[in-house]
Amino acid sequence: MTSFPDIGERFAVAVSGGADSLALCLLAAGWAKETGRHLVALSVDHGLRAASRQECDKLHDTLTIKGIEHHILTWVGEKPTSGIQAAAREARYQLMSRWCLENQIEDLMVAHHQDDQAETFLLRLARGSGVDGLGAMKPIVQQAGIRLLRPLLTIPKERLTSTLETMGQEWVEDPSNQNEDFDRVKIRKNMALLQDLGLTSDRLSQTAQAMQRAGDALQRMTRNWLKEHVRLFEEGYCVIAQTGLDGLEDEIRLRSLARIGMVISGEIYPPRLERLQRLSMSLKNGSDATLMDCRWIVRKDDILVCRETRHGEVPDNLYQIDYPHSFPSLKLRILGQEGWKQLLKQRTGKDDFDLPKPVIYSLVSFWDEEGVLAVPHLGYQRVGSEFEAQLTFIAKKRLLS
């Protein structure tokens, strides 16, 4: 615990009742008591098994007796029929992160350990991941106002179960951990064979750490290139200098294109490598392209990248939007050609916009029942309206993060 700087006076721990998270919770509770901090345990009832609520309630009783504040969060709504583990994990993080934000807690600890590190490495290796995918999980990850902390990454699972046994503390075994329909379970059950070949959890974790160091170096090179050769604008588009692409190593080129597309489109994850390679080849050949809901337009000295307009929706992680008044029928959308035509009918001085037409089409706009109400980046609002809005392009921080 002491390796993490500046942990808040109140922090949270994700606990399912399994051995790993329960061990973390009890260890963290002891550390919190010693340091004058307050721990809050958070559990999620996924509702995927009939016994899940009963298990959460039993865990609540256990932690309450030990003087640990505990809250059960419930995943409501329709459940997926495929990709269940990934969907449940995503729901779990969303519920806990939201609870932490609402309760002014910035630090959330999770119980990933050395064996998880090794299993993740093998899973990603089987899926053909590159350097970043094979890199180790990081002990500290910033996620939307929450710091995700992993204090157990160097600790084998058997140490955690031994800790609970020494404490005389029982834990819950999730039946899904024995279900070989899940790839992670298959890997876990075959780890003994790999250990005979020297592929121990410790050795695999060391390799993952080496990949992480290599990935970090490549990320630094990518950031340096982006700083020098890419101009990003508040209107939500960017310009890539063609001279910067000449002779650029493929790895840095692909990473840079992925990062640019993620910032402009609001996508959370980069596209598949094959799609990135096709984009890179198109741009090298001087051809326009589309990828990640972005248009990539090759010009004489640069490449213009802006959002596509075919969907019309504005991702909610692109802008911080503030407007002082309430407008019940207000809708947020990409301007598009339809909105641009409406705006031209209402505005004089039609040629005074110093923006490329594809960028104008991609701008964030506000609509009501009469049509386009305002386009802040054009300084436009319908005559006679009192609407004002402030847009802050928060996604631009991700370009160099």
Protein backbone atom coordinates (compact mmCIF):
# COMPACT_ATOMS: atom_id res chain seq x y z
CA MET A 1 0.00 0.00 0.00
CA THR A 2 2.82 2.38 0.87
CA SER A 3 4.13 2.36 -2.72
CA PHE A 4 1.13 4.40 -3.88
CA PRO A 5 1.49 8.16 -3.43
CA ASP A 6 -1.19 10.42 -2.05
CA ILE A 7 -3.98 7.92 -1.39
CA GLY A 8 -6.97 9.88 -0.13
CA GLU A 9 -8.27 9.81 3.43
CA ARG A 10 -11.22 7.83 2.05
CA PHE A 11 -10.60 5.15 -0.57
CA ALA A 12 -12.52 2.21 -1.99
CA VAL A 13 -11.75 -1.46 -2.57
CA ALA A 14 -13.58 -3.67 -5.06
CA VAL A 15 -14.49 -6.91 -3.30
CA SER A 16 -16.45 -9.84 -4.70
CA GLY A 17 -16.08 -12.28 -1.81
CA GLY A 18 -13.55 -14.36 -3.72
CA ALA A 19 -10.15 -15.06 -2.19
CA ASP A 20 -8.21 -12.39 -4.08
CA SER A 21 -10.43 -9.39 -3.45
CA LEU A 22 -11.32 -10.43 0.09
CA ALA A 23 -7.63 -10.71 0.98
CA LEU A 24 -7.01 -7.27 -0.50
CA CYS A 25 -9.97 -5.82 1.40
CA LEU A 26 -8.81 -7.17 4.76
CA LEU A 27 -5.19 -6.16 4.18
CA ALA A 28 -6.28 -2.67 3.08
CA ALA A 29 -8.56 -2.37 6.11
CA GLY A 30 -5.62 -3.05 8.42
CA TRP A 31 -3.46 -0.52 6.59
CA ALA A 32 -6.25 2.06 6.66
CA LYS A 33 -6.60 1.66 10.42
CA GLU A 34 -2.85 2.09 10.91
CA THR A 35 -2.71 5.25 8.77
CA GLY A 36 -5.92 6.94 9.88
CA ARG A 37 -7.76 6.38 6.60
CA HIS A 38 -11.29 5.14 5.95
CA LEU A 39 -11.90 2.20 3.62
CA VAL A 40 -15.17 1.63 1.75
CA ALA A 41 -15.76 -1.83 0.27
CA LEU A 42 -17.82 -1.99 -2.94
CA SER A 43 -19.44 -5.13 -4.36
CA VAL A 44 -21.49 -5.59 -7.51
CA ASP A 45 -24.44 -7.95 -7.78
CA HIS A 46 -24.41 -8.80 -11.48
CA GLY A 47 -27.61 -10.83 -11.27
CA LEU A 48 -26.12 -13.49 -13.55
CA ARG A 49 -26.54 -16.30 -11.00
CA ALA A 50 -29.42 -17.04 -8.65
CA ALA A 51 -27.11 -17.07 -5.62
CA SER A 52 -25.35 -13.81 -6.37
CA ARG A 53 -27.47 -11.58 -4.11
CA GLN A 54 -27.25 -14.05 -1.26
CA GLU A 55 -23.46 -14.09 -1.60
CA CYS A 56 -23.32 -10.28 -1.56
CA ASP A 57 -25.51 -10.16 1.55
CA LYS A 58 -23.31 -12.73 3.31
CA LEU A 59 -20.22 -10.71 2.40
CA HIS A 60 -21.93 -7.60 3.75
CA ASP A 61 -22.48 -9.30 7.10
CA THR A 62 -18.85 -10.48 7.22
CA LEU A 63 -17.41 -7.04 6.50
CA THR A 64 -19.84 -5.22 8.77
CA ILE A 65 -18.82 -7.41 11.71
CA LYS A 66 -15.21 -6.41 10.97
CA GLY A 67 -16.17 -2.73 11.03
CA ILE A 68 -15.74 -2.22 7.28
CA GLU A 69 -18.24 0.04 5.49
CA HIS A 70 -19.73 -1.97 2.62
CA HIS A 71 -22.07 -1.09 -0.24
CA ILE A 72 -23.71 -3.45 -2.75
CA LEU A 73 -24.23 -2.03 -6.25
CA THR A 74 -26.67 -3.76 -8.60
CA TRP A 75 -26.31 -4.25 -12.35
CA VAL A 76 -29.83 -3.74 -13.70
CA GLY A 77 -31.17 -4.11 -17.21
CA GLU A 78 -30.89 -6.73 -19.91
CA LYS A 79 -27.87 -9.03 -19.67
CA PRO A 80 -25.80 -10.17 -22.67
CA THR A 81 -25.88 -13.73 -23.99
CA SER A 82 -22.30 -13.60 -25.32
CA GLY A 83 -19.15 -11.88 -24.13
CA ILE A 84 -20.56 -12.20 -20.62
CA GLN A 85 -17.31 -11.84 -18.69
CA ALA A 86 -16.22 -8.73 -20.60
CA ALA A 87 -19.67 -7.13 -20.27
CA ALA A 88 -19.84 -7.89 -16.56
CA ARG A 89 -16.37 -6.44 -16.03
CA GLU A 90 -17.32 -3.25 -17.89
CA ALA A 91 -20.55 -2.91 -15.89
CA ARG A 92 -18.65 -3.50 -12.66
CA TYR A 93 -16.14 -0.72 -13.33
CA GLN A 94 -18.85 1.70 -14.45
CA LEU A 95 -20.97 1.14 -11.35
CA MET A 96 -18.06 1.43 -8.93
CA SER A 97 -16.51 4.44 -10.68
CA ARG A 98 -19.84 6.26 -10.69
CA TRP A 99 -20.35 5.52 -6.98
CA CYS A 100 -16.86 6.79 -6.17
CA LEU A 101 -17.35 10.01 -8.13
CA GLU A 102 -20.71 10.64 -6.48
CA ASN A 103 -19.15 10.11 -3.05
CA GLN A 104 -15.95 12.14 -3.58
CA ILE A 105 -13.63 9.13 -3.58
CA GLU A 106 -10.72 9.26 -6.04
CA ASP A 107 -8.92 5.96 -5.35
CA LEU A 108 -10.31 2.49 -6.11
CA MET A 109 -8.20 -0.59 -5.36
CA VAL A 110 -8.65 -3.84 -7.29
CA ALA A 111 -7.11 -7.25 -6.56
CA HIS A 112 -5.30 -8.18 -9.77
CA HIS A 113 -2.29 -10.30 -8.81
CA GLN A 114 0.70 -11.97 -10.40
CA ASP A 115 -1.27 -14.95 -11.76
CA ASP A 116 -3.78 -12.58 -13.40
CA GLN A 117 -0.85 -10.79 -15.00
CA ALA A 118 0.46 -14.07 -16.47
CA GLU A 119 -2.99 -15.21 -17.67
CA THR A 120 -3.66 -11.89 -19.36
CA PHE A 121 -0.31 -12.08 -21.15
CA LEU A 122 -1.13 -15.55 -22.52
CA LEU A 123 -4.66 -14.56 -23.55
CA ARG A 124 -3.38 -11.59 -25.50
CA LEU A 125 -0.54 -13.59 -26.99
CA ALA A 126 -3.10 -16.08 -28.32
CA ARG A 127 -5.04 -13.19 -29.90
CA GLY A 128 -1.98 -11.83 -31.69
CA SER A 129 -1.57 -8.68 -29.59
CA GLY A 130 1.39 -6.39 -30.15
CA VAL A 131 3.73 -4.74 -27.68
CA ASP A 132 1.04 -2.71 -25.89
CA GLY A 133 -1.36 -5.62 -25.59
CA LEU A 134 1.35 -7.85 -24.14
CA GLY A 135 2.49 -5.20 -21.68
CA ALA A 136 1.85 -5.74 -18.00
CA MET A 137 -1.13 -4.26 -16.21
CA LYS A 138 -0.01 -1.02 -14.57
CA PRO A 139 -0.23 -0.47 -10.81
CA ILE A 140 -1.84 2.97 -11.29
CA VAL A 141 -4.31 3.85 -14.06
CA GLN A 142 -6.24 7.12 -14.28
CA GLN A 143 -9.81 6.55 -15.48
CA ALA A 144 -12.32 9.42 -15.75
CA GLY A 145 -11.65 11.02 -12.39
CA ILE A 146 -10.84 7.73 -10.63
CA ARG A 147 -7.40 6.27 -9.93
CA LEU A 148 -7.45 2.50 -10.32
CA LEU A 149 -4.83 1.03 -7.97
CA ARG A 150 -3.43 -2.52 -8.15
CA PRO A 151 -1.25 -3.16 -5.08
CA LEU A 152 -1.00 -6.95 -5.53
CA LEU A 153 0.50 -7.27 -9.02
CA THR A 154 3.71 -8.87 -7.73
CA ILE A 155 1.95 -11.24 -5.32
CA PRO A 156 1.06 -14.84 -6.36
CA LYS A 157 -2.49 -16.00 -5.75
CA GLU A 158 -1.35 -18.74 -3.38
CA ARG A 159 0.02 -16.07 -1.04
CA LEU A 160 -3.43 -14.48 -0.87
CA THR A 161 -5.26 -17.73 -0.14
CA SER A 162 -2.64 -18.57 2.50
CA THR A 163 -3.25 -15.17 4.08
CA LEU A 164 -6.97 -15.86 4.39
CA GLU A 165 -6.34 -19.36 5.75
CA THR A 166 -4.02 -17.89 8.39
CA MET A 167 -6.76 -15.41 9.32
CA GLY A 168 -9.30 -18.24 9.51
CA GLN A 169 -11.38 -16.37 6.92
CA GLU A 170 -13.59 -18.28 4.46
CA TRP A 171 -14.22 -17.04 0.93
CA VAL A 172 -16.62 -17.70 -1.94
CA GLU A 173 -15.66 -19.70 -5.03
CA ASP A 174 -17.38 -18.37 -8.16
CA PRO A 175 -18.59 -21.37 -10.26
CA SER A 176 -17.68 -19.49 -13.45
CA ASN A 177 -14.02 -19.90 -12.46
CA GLN A 178 -14.42 -23.59 -13.35
CA ASN A 179 -16.31 -23.01 -16.62
CA GLU A 180 -14.03 -23.98 -19.50
CA ASP A 181 -16.21 -22.09 -21.96
CA PHE A 182 -14.06 -19.13 -20.89
CA ASP A 183 -10.54 -18.94 -22.36
CA ARG A 184 -9.07 -17.59 -19.14
CA VAL A 185 -10.26 -20.69 -17.27
CA LYS A 186 -8.69 -22.95 -19.90
CA ILE A 187 -5.38 -21.16 -19.49
CA ARG A 188 -5.59 -21.32 -15.70
CA LYS A 189 -6.17 -25.08 -15.76
CA ASN A 190 -3.20 -25.65 -18.07
CA MET A 191 -0.70 -23.45 -16.24
CA ALA A 192 0.88 -26.51 -14.59
CA LEU A 193 1.96 -27.77 -18.03
CA LEU A 194 3.52 -24.42 -18.85
CA GLN A 195 5.34 -24.30 -15.53
CA ASP A 196 7.07 -27.58 -16.41
CA LEU A 197 8.52 -25.70 -19.40
CA GLY A 198 9.70 -22.83 -17.24
CA LEU A 199 6.76 -20.57 -18.12
CA THR A 200 5.87 -19.76 -14.54
CA SER A 201 3.61 -16.89 -13.53
CA ASP A 202 6.67 -15.04 -12.29
CA ARG A 203 8.53 -15.49 -15.60
CA LEU A 204 5.50 -14.51 -17.69
CA SER A 205 4.97 -11.45 -15.50
CA GLN A 206 8.60 -10.44 -16.03
CA THR A 207 8.10 -10.69 -19.80
CA ALA A 208 4.94 -8.60 -19.54
CA GLN A 209 6.92 -5.98 -17.59
CA ALA A 210 9.57 -5.93 -20.32
CA MET A 211 6.84 -5.42 -22.93
CA GLN A 212 5.42 -2.59 -20.85
CA ARG A 213 8.80 -0.85 -20.78
CA ALA A 214 9.11 -1.20 -24.55
CA GLY A 215 5.56 0.07 -24.99
CA ASP A 216 6.22 3.07 -22.75
CA ALA A 217 9.28 3.97 -24.84
CA LEU A 218 7.25 3.76 -28.05
CA GLN A 219 4.52 5.90 -26.47
CA ARG A 220 7.07 8.58 -25.60
CA MET A 221 8.36 8.59 -29.18
CA THR A 222 4.78 8.83 -30.44
CA ARG A 223 3.96 11.77 -28.15
CA ASN A 224 7.09 13.61 -29.27
CA TRP A 225 6.15 13.13 -32.92
CA LEU A 226 2.57 14.28 -32.34
CA LYS A 227 3.76 17.42 -30.53
CA GLU A 228 5.92 18.39 -33.48
CA HIS A 229 3.80 17.46 -36.49
CA VAL A 230 0.11 17.61 -35.53
CA ARG A 231 -2.02 20.72 -34.94
CA LEU A 232 -5.25 20.12 -33.03
CA PHE A 233 -8.09 22.65 -33.08
CA GLU A 234 -10.94 23.35 -30.64
CA GLU A 235 -13.45 22.78 -33.41
CA GLY A 236 -12.57 19.09 -33.18
CA TYR A 237 -10.29 18.51 -36.15
CA CYS A 238 -6.57 18.29 -36.74
CA VAL A 239 -3.96 18.78 -39.45
CA ILE A 240 -1.00 16.42 -39.94
CA ALA A 241 2.09 17.83 -41.64
CA GLN A 242 3.05 15.67 -44.65
CA THR A 243 6.75 16.36 -44.06
CA GLY A 244 6.49 14.70 -40.66
CA LEU A 245 5.29 11.46 -42.25
CA ASP A 246 8.25 11.15 -44.61
CA GLY A 247 10.55 8.40 -43.41
CA LEU A 248 8.58 7.85 -40.20
CA GLU A 249 8.92 4.35 -38.73
CA ASP A 250 5.79 2.26 -39.28
CA GLU A 251 5.24 1.58 -35.58
CA ILE A 252 5.22 5.29 -34.65
CA ARG A 253 3.12 6.10 -37.72
CA LEU A 254 0.44 3.53 -36.83
CA ARG A 255 0.37 4.57 -33.17
CA SER A 256 0.05 8.23 -34.13
CA LEU A 257 -2.80 7.59 -36.57
CA ALA A 258 -4.65 5.55 -33.95
CA ARG A 259 -4.23 8.26 -31.30
CA ILE A 260 -5.40 10.99 -33.69
CA GLY A 261 -8.48 9.02 -34.70
CA MET A 262 -9.39 8.31 -31.07
CA VAL A 263 -9.19 11.98 -30.15
CA ILE A 264 -11.23 13.25 -33.11
CA SER A 265 -13.90 10.53 -32.99
CA GLY A 266 -14.14 9.97 -29.24
CA GLU A 267 -13.42 6.25 -29.67
CA ILE A 268 -12.05 4.62 -26.51
CA TYR A 269 -10.07 1.83 -28.19
CA PRO A 270 -7.85 1.85 -31.28
CA PRO A 271 -8.98 -0.04 -34.39
CA ARG A 272 -7.62 -3.44 -35.36
CA LEU A 273 -4.08 -3.44 -36.73
CA GLU A 274 -5.15 -4.51 -40.23
CA ARG A 275 -7.50 -1.54 -40.54
CA LEU A 276 -4.81 0.86 -39.33
CA GLN A 277 -2.37 -0.58 -41.85
CA ARG A 278 -4.89 -0.06 -44.67
CA LEU A 279 -5.39 3.54 -43.58
CA SER A 280 -1.64 4.13 -43.46
CA MET A 281 -1.18 2.67 -46.95
CA SER A 282 -4.01 4.79 -48.39
CA LEU A 283 -2.49 7.97 -46.99
CA LYS A 284 0.97 7.00 -48.26
CA ASN A 285 -0.55 6.58 -51.73
CA GLY A 286 -2.18 10.00 -51.53
CA SER A 287 -5.72 8.64 -51.25
CA ASP A 288 -8.44 9.88 -48.91
CA ALA A 289 -9.80 7.37 -46.40
CA THR A 290 -12.29 6.83 -43.60
CA LEU A 291 -11.63 5.08 -40.30
CA MET A 292 -12.86 5.38 -36.71
CA ASP A 293 -15.78 7.57 -37.86
CA CYS A 294 -13.23 10.06 -39.20
CA ARG A 295 -12.48 11.44 -42.65
CA TRP A 296 -8.79 11.50 -43.57
CA ILE A 297 -8.40 13.99 -46.43
CA VAL A 298 -5.04 14.22 -48.22
CA ARG A 299 -4.11 17.74 -49.28
CA LYS A 300 -0.98 19.22 -50.86
CA ASP A 301 1.08 19.75 -47.72
CA ASP A 302 -0.97 18.09 -45.00
CA ILE A 303 -3.72 15.65 -44.08
CA LEU A 304 -6.98 16.99 -42.66
CA VAL A 305 -8.73 14.74 -40.12
CA CYS A 306 -12.30 15.50 -39.03
CA ARG A 307 -15.39 13.62 -37.90
CA GLU A 308 -17.68 11.88 -40.34
CA THR A 309 -21.25 13.18 -40.49
CA ARG A 310 -23.16 10.03 -41.47
CA HIS A 311 -24.24 9.19 -37.89
CA GLY A 312 -25.00 12.65 -36.58
CA GLU A 313 -24.49 11.79 -32.90
CA VAL A 314 -21.90 13.60 -30.79
CA PRO A 315 -19.94 11.25 -28.49
CA ASP A 316 -20.38 12.33 -24.89
CA ASN A 317 -16.65 12.21 -24.13
CA LEU A 318 -15.59 14.84 -26.70
CA TYR A 319 -16.73 18.09 -25.15
CA GLN A 320 -17.64 19.56 -21.83
CA ILE A 321 -20.79 21.52 -22.64
CA ASP A 322 -22.16 24.32 -20.49
CA TYR A 323 -25.24 26.40 -21.20
CA PRO A 324 -26.99 28.48 -18.53
CA HIS A 325 -30.65 28.07 -19.47
CA SER A 326 -33.00 25.10 -19.73
CA PHE A 327 -34.20 24.13 -23.20
CA PRO A 328 -36.57 21.10 -22.98
CA SER A 329 -36.55 20.24 -26.70
CA LEU A 330 -32.83 20.84 -27.22
CA LYS A 331 -30.84 18.21 -29.14
CA LEU A 332 -27.12 17.94 -29.68
CA ARG A 333 -25.88 16.66 -33.04
CA ILE A 334 -23.29 17.01 -35.77
CA LEU A 335 -24.24 19.92 -38.07
CA GLY A 336 -24.03 17.98 -41.35
CA GLN A 337 -24.94 19.26 -44.78
CA GLU A 338 -28.62 19.57 -43.85
CA GLY A 339 -27.82 21.85 -40.92
CA TRP A 340 -25.38 23.88 -43.00
CA LYS A 341 -28.04 24.54 -45.62
CA GLN A 342 -30.44 25.71 -42.91
CA LEU A 343 -27.81 28.00 -41.45
CA LEU A 344 -27.03 29.58 -44.83
CA LYS A 345 -30.67 30.51 -45.33
CA GLN A 346 -30.68 32.46 -42.07
CA ARG A 347 -27.25 34.08 -42.13
CA THR A 348 -25.75 36.93 -44.13
CA GLY A 349 -22.03 37.06 -44.92
CA LYS A 350 -22.00 33.44 -45.97
CA ASP A 351 -18.35 33.24 -46.97
CA ASP A 352 -16.70 34.56 -43.81
CA PHE A 353 -15.99 31.17 -42.22
CA ASP A 354 -12.31 30.34 -42.24
CA LEU A 355 -12.86 26.59 -41.94
CA PRO A 356 -12.74 23.78 -44.51
CA LYS A 357 -16.20 22.63 -45.58
CA PRO A 358 -15.75 19.05 -44.22
CA VAL A 359 -14.90 20.57 -40.82
CA ILE A 360 -17.97 22.83 -40.92
CA TYR A 361 -20.17 19.81 -41.59
CA SER A 362 -18.60 18.02 -38.59
CA LEU A 363 -19.16 20.80 -36.05
CA VAL A 364 -21.21 20.34 -32.88
CA SER A 365 -24.60 22.07 -33.19
CA PHE A 366 -27.72 22.56 -31.11
CA TRP A 367 -31.16 21.91 -32.59
CA ASP A 368 -34.72 22.50 -31.46
CA GLU A 369 -38.09 21.91 -33.08
CA GLU A 370 -37.42 24.65 -35.65
CA GLY A 371 -34.03 23.29 -36.73
CA VAL A 372 -30.52 24.63 -36.09
CA LEU A 373 -30.51 26.85 -33.01
CA ALA A 374 -26.78 27.45 -32.54
CA VAL A 375 -23.32 26.44 -33.77
CA PRO A 376 -20.90 27.80 -31.14
CA HIS A 377 -17.72 27.25 -33.16
CA LEU A 378 -19.15 29.39 -35.96
CA GLY A 379 -20.35 32.03 -33.54
CA TYR A 380 -23.86 31.40 -34.84
CA GLN A 381 -27.17 31.45 -33.03
CA ARG A 382 -30.61 31.92 -34.51
CA VAL A 383 -31.71 35.53 -34.67
CA GLY A 384 -33.91 36.40 -31.70
CA SER A 385 -32.77 33.46 -29.54
CA GLU A 386 -31.09 33.87 -26.15
CA PHE A 387 -29.16 30.62 -26.36
CA GLU A 388 -25.50 30.61 -25.33
CA ALA A 389 -23.20 27.63 -24.93
CA GLN A 390 -19.58 27.05 -24.00
CA LEU A 391 -17.79 24.03 -25.51
CA THR A 392 -14.50 22.77 -24.08
CA PHE A 393 -12.72 20.17 -26.23
CA ILE A 394 -11.74 17.80 -23.41
CA ALA A 395 -10.80 14.97 -25.78
CA LYS A 396 -7.72 16.87 -26.92
CA LYS A 397 -5.98 15.92 -23.66
CA ARG A 398 -5.87 12.33 -24.88
CA LEU A 399 -3.63 13.17 -27.82
CA LEU A 400 -0.52 13.40 -25.65
CA SER A 401 -1.67 11.35 -22.65
